[in-house]
N, C-alpha and C. Protein backbone atom coordinates (compact mmCIF):
# COMPACT_ATOMS: atom_id res chain seq x y z
N MET A 1 -21.62 12.50 -7.24
CA MET A 1 -22.28 12.54 -5.94
C MET A 1 -23.15 11.29 -5.77
N MET A 2 -23.23 10.86 -4.56
CA MET A 2 -23.98 9.64 -4.24
C MET A 2 -25.49 9.89 -4.27
N GLU A 3 -26.22 8.91 -4.81
CA GLU A 3 -27.67 8.96 -4.74
C GLU A 3 -28.11 8.20 -3.51
N TYR A 4 -28.86 8.87 -2.65
CA TYR A 4 -29.26 8.27 -1.39
C TYR A 4 -30.61 7.59 -1.48
N ASP A 5 -30.74 6.51 -0.73
CA ASP A 5 -32.03 5.84 -0.57
C ASP A 5 -32.80 6.65 0.47
N PRO A 6 -33.94 7.24 0.09
CA PRO A 6 -34.66 8.11 1.02
C PRO A 6 -35.27 7.37 2.21
N THR A 7 -35.26 6.04 2.18
CA THR A 7 -35.87 5.28 3.27
C THR A 7 -34.87 4.91 4.36
N ARG A 8 -33.58 5.28 4.16
CA ARG A 8 -32.54 4.94 5.15
C ARG A 8 -31.71 6.16 5.49
N PRO A 9 -31.24 6.25 6.73
CA PRO A 9 -30.41 7.40 7.11
C PRO A 9 -29.15 7.50 6.24
N LYS A 10 -28.79 8.72 5.88
CA LYS A 10 -27.61 8.93 5.04
C LYS A 10 -26.35 8.39 5.71
N TRP A 11 -26.24 8.56 7.03
CA TRP A 11 -25.01 8.11 7.69
C TRP A 11 -24.81 6.60 7.54
N GLN A 12 -25.90 5.84 7.54
CA GLN A 12 -25.78 4.38 7.36
C GLN A 12 -25.28 4.06 5.96
N GLN A 13 -25.80 4.77 4.99
CA GLN A 13 -25.39 4.52 3.60
C GLN A 13 -23.93 4.91 3.38
N ILE A 14 -23.51 6.01 3.99
CA ILE A 14 -22.11 6.44 3.88
C ILE A 14 -21.21 5.42 4.58
N ALA A 15 -21.62 4.94 5.75
CA ALA A 15 -20.84 3.94 6.47
C ALA A 15 -20.66 2.68 5.62
N GLU A 16 -21.71 2.29 4.89
CA GLU A 16 -21.61 1.10 4.03
C GLU A 16 -20.60 1.32 2.90
N VAL A 17 -20.62 2.50 2.29
CA VAL A 17 -19.68 2.80 1.22
C VAL A 17 -18.25 2.76 1.76
N LEU A 18 -18.04 3.39 2.90
CA LEU A 18 -16.70 3.41 3.49
C LEU A 18 -16.26 2.00 3.90
N ARG A 19 -17.19 1.22 4.44
CA ARG A 19 -16.88 -0.16 4.83
C ARG A 19 -16.42 -0.96 3.61
N GLN A 20 -17.11 -0.80 2.49
CA GLN A 20 -16.72 -1.51 1.27
C GLN A 20 -15.34 -1.08 0.79
N ARG A 21 -15.03 0.20 0.93
CA ARG A 21 -13.70 0.69 0.53
C ARG A 21 -12.62 0.08 1.42
N ILE A 22 -12.93 -0.10 2.69
CA ILE A 22 -11.97 -0.70 3.61
C ILE A 22 -11.78 -2.18 3.27
N ILE A 23 -12.90 -2.91 3.12
CA ILE A 23 -12.85 -4.35 2.84
C ILE A 23 -12.13 -4.62 1.51
N SER A 24 -12.41 -3.79 0.50
CA SER A 24 -11.83 -4.00 -0.83
C SER A 24 -10.33 -3.67 -0.87
N GLY A 25 -9.86 -2.95 0.13
CA GLY A 25 -8.46 -2.56 0.14
C GLY A 25 -8.21 -1.20 -0.48
N GLU A 26 -9.28 -0.53 -0.94
CA GLU A 26 -9.12 0.82 -1.48
C GLU A 26 -8.53 1.74 -0.41
N TYR A 27 -8.98 1.56 0.83
CA TYR A 27 -8.40 2.26 1.98
C TYR A 27 -7.53 1.27 2.73
N GLN A 28 -6.25 1.54 2.76
CA GLN A 28 -5.29 0.66 3.43
C GLN A 28 -5.21 0.96 4.93
N PRO A 29 -4.74 0.00 5.72
CA PRO A 29 -4.55 0.26 7.15
C PRO A 29 -3.71 1.52 7.37
N ARG A 30 -4.09 2.27 8.37
CA ARG A 30 -3.46 3.52 8.79
C ARG A 30 -3.79 4.70 7.86
N HIS A 31 -4.61 4.47 6.82
CA HIS A 31 -5.07 5.58 5.98
C HIS A 31 -5.93 6.51 6.84
N ARG A 32 -5.69 7.81 6.75
CA ARG A 32 -6.46 8.77 7.55
C ARG A 32 -7.73 9.15 6.80
N LEU A 33 -8.86 9.07 7.50
CA LEU A 33 -10.13 9.52 6.93
C LEU A 33 -10.31 10.99 7.27
N SER A 34 -10.42 11.81 6.27
CA SER A 34 -10.61 13.25 6.47
C SER A 34 -12.10 13.56 6.52
N GLU A 35 -12.56 14.09 7.66
CA GLU A 35 -13.98 14.46 7.77
C GLU A 35 -14.32 15.53 6.75
N VAL A 36 -13.41 16.46 6.51
CA VAL A 36 -13.66 17.55 5.56
C VAL A 36 -13.86 16.97 4.15
N GLN A 37 -12.97 16.05 3.76
CA GLN A 37 -13.10 15.45 2.42
C GLN A 37 -14.37 14.62 2.30
N LEU A 38 -14.72 13.88 3.37
CA LEU A 38 -15.94 13.07 3.33
C LEU A 38 -17.18 13.94 3.26
N GLU A 39 -17.18 15.05 3.99
CA GLU A 39 -18.29 16.01 3.93
C GLU A 39 -18.50 16.48 2.50
N ALA A 40 -17.40 16.83 1.84
CA ALA A 40 -17.49 17.33 0.47
C ALA A 40 -17.91 16.23 -0.50
N GLU A 41 -17.30 15.06 -0.36
CA GLU A 41 -17.60 13.95 -1.28
C GLU A 41 -19.06 13.54 -1.22
N PHE A 42 -19.60 13.43 0.00
CA PHE A 42 -20.97 12.94 0.16
C PHE A 42 -22.01 14.06 0.29
N ALA A 43 -21.54 15.31 0.29
CA ALA A 43 -22.42 16.48 0.39
C ALA A 43 -23.35 16.40 1.60
N VAL A 44 -22.73 16.16 2.76
CA VAL A 44 -23.48 16.07 4.00
C VAL A 44 -22.79 16.90 5.08
N ALA A 45 -23.48 17.09 6.19
CA ALA A 45 -22.93 17.84 7.33
C ALA A 45 -21.92 16.99 8.10
N ARG A 46 -21.07 17.66 8.84
CA ARG A 46 -20.05 16.97 9.63
C ARG A 46 -20.68 15.97 10.59
N VAL A 47 -21.81 16.31 11.19
CA VAL A 47 -22.45 15.39 12.14
C VAL A 47 -22.82 14.07 11.47
N THR A 48 -23.20 14.12 10.20
CA THR A 48 -23.54 12.91 9.45
C THR A 48 -22.30 12.05 9.23
N VAL A 49 -21.20 12.69 8.88
CA VAL A 49 -19.93 11.98 8.71
C VAL A 49 -19.52 11.35 10.03
N ARG A 50 -19.70 12.07 11.12
CA ARG A 50 -19.29 11.54 12.43
C ARG A 50 -20.14 10.35 12.85
N LYS A 51 -21.41 10.35 12.50
CA LYS A 51 -22.25 9.18 12.79
C LYS A 51 -21.76 7.97 12.01
N ALA A 52 -21.39 8.19 10.75
CA ALA A 52 -20.88 7.10 9.91
C ALA A 52 -19.58 6.55 10.47
N THR A 53 -18.66 7.44 10.86
CA THR A 53 -17.38 6.97 11.39
C THR A 53 -17.57 6.31 12.76
N ALA A 54 -18.54 6.76 13.54
CA ALA A 54 -18.80 6.11 14.83
C ALA A 54 -19.24 4.67 14.61
N ALA A 55 -20.07 4.44 13.59
CA ALA A 55 -20.53 3.08 13.28
C ALA A 55 -19.34 2.21 12.86
N LEU A 56 -18.44 2.75 12.06
CA LEU A 56 -17.26 2.00 11.63
C LEU A 56 -16.34 1.70 12.81
N ARG A 57 -16.25 2.66 13.73
CA ARG A 57 -15.43 2.46 14.93
C ARG A 57 -16.01 1.33 15.77
N GLU A 58 -17.33 1.29 15.92
CA GLU A 58 -18.00 0.22 16.68
C GLU A 58 -17.75 -1.15 16.05
N GLN A 59 -17.62 -1.18 14.72
CA GLN A 59 -17.36 -2.43 14.00
C GLN A 59 -15.89 -2.81 14.02
N GLY A 60 -15.05 -1.92 14.59
CA GLY A 60 -13.62 -2.20 14.65
C GLY A 60 -12.88 -1.94 13.36
N LEU A 61 -13.51 -1.23 12.42
CA LEU A 61 -12.88 -0.98 11.13
C LEU A 61 -11.98 0.25 11.13
N ILE A 62 -12.27 1.18 12.04
CA ILE A 62 -11.40 2.36 12.17
C ILE A 62 -11.10 2.60 13.64
N THR A 63 -10.05 3.36 13.86
CA THR A 63 -9.71 3.82 15.20
C THR A 63 -9.60 5.33 15.15
N THR A 64 -9.92 5.98 16.26
CA THR A 64 -9.84 7.42 16.31
C THR A 64 -8.87 7.82 17.42
N VAL A 65 -7.96 8.72 17.08
CA VAL A 65 -6.98 9.22 18.02
C VAL A 65 -7.29 10.70 18.27
N ALA A 66 -7.54 11.04 19.52
CA ALA A 66 -7.88 12.43 19.87
C ALA A 66 -6.82 13.38 19.33
N GLY A 67 -7.27 14.42 18.66
CA GLY A 67 -6.38 15.43 18.12
C GLY A 67 -5.70 15.05 16.81
N MET A 68 -5.89 13.81 16.37
CA MET A 68 -5.23 13.37 15.14
C MET A 68 -6.22 12.95 14.06
N GLY A 69 -7.35 12.37 14.44
CA GLY A 69 -8.33 11.95 13.46
C GLY A 69 -8.62 10.46 13.49
N SER A 70 -9.32 10.01 12.45
CA SER A 70 -9.72 8.61 12.34
C SER A 70 -8.88 7.92 11.27
N PHE A 71 -8.49 6.69 11.58
CA PHE A 71 -7.61 5.93 10.70
C PHE A 71 -8.17 4.53 10.49
N ILE A 72 -7.89 3.97 9.32
CA ILE A 72 -8.30 2.59 9.04
C ILE A 72 -7.52 1.69 9.99
N ALA A 73 -8.23 0.78 10.64
CA ALA A 73 -7.61 -0.13 11.60
C ALA A 73 -6.77 -1.17 10.88
N GLU A 74 -5.79 -1.70 11.60
CA GLU A 74 -5.02 -2.82 11.08
C GLU A 74 -5.99 -3.98 10.89
N ARG A 75 -5.84 -4.71 9.80
CA ARG A 75 -6.78 -5.79 9.51
C ARG A 75 -6.35 -7.09 10.17
N ASP A 76 -7.32 -7.74 10.75
CA ASP A 76 -7.12 -9.07 11.30
C ASP A 76 -7.76 -10.02 10.30
N GLU A 77 -6.95 -10.70 9.50
CA GLU A 77 -7.46 -11.53 8.40
C GLU A 77 -8.48 -12.57 8.88
N ASP A 78 -8.31 -13.08 10.09
CA ASP A 78 -9.24 -14.08 10.63
C ASP A 78 -10.64 -13.49 10.79
N ASN A 79 -10.73 -12.23 11.16
CA ASN A 79 -12.03 -11.59 11.38
C ASN A 79 -12.73 -11.24 10.08
N ASP A 80 -11.98 -11.09 8.99
CA ASP A 80 -12.59 -10.67 7.73
C ASP A 80 -13.49 -11.74 7.12
N GLN A 81 -13.26 -12.98 7.44
CA GLN A 81 -14.00 -14.07 6.80
C GLN A 81 -15.50 -13.92 6.96
N GLY A 82 -15.97 -13.65 8.17
CA GLY A 82 -17.41 -13.56 8.39
C GLY A 82 -18.01 -12.20 8.15
N ASN A 83 -17.18 -11.20 7.85
CA ASN A 83 -17.68 -9.84 7.73
C ASN A 83 -17.85 -9.35 6.30
N ALA A 84 -17.40 -10.09 5.34
CA ALA A 84 -17.41 -9.60 3.96
C ALA A 84 -18.77 -9.62 3.34
């Protein structure tokens, strides 16, 4: 289980972990992010997971399809240079 920094919101810390997994290639494009699995892994409420995924969506790292879930976005190699 993750140890949280008590001075920062959990959703931000979870978003950072997920972002690193995306950047490192641990999560490949089109990989589906399961809110249920993330809830269990990080021991947080669904609303916390949704805040984290919303932040990733704003950064263009994931896309969400209504009724299907959230997926890792296709990577644009040119954009990765300044974001790592």
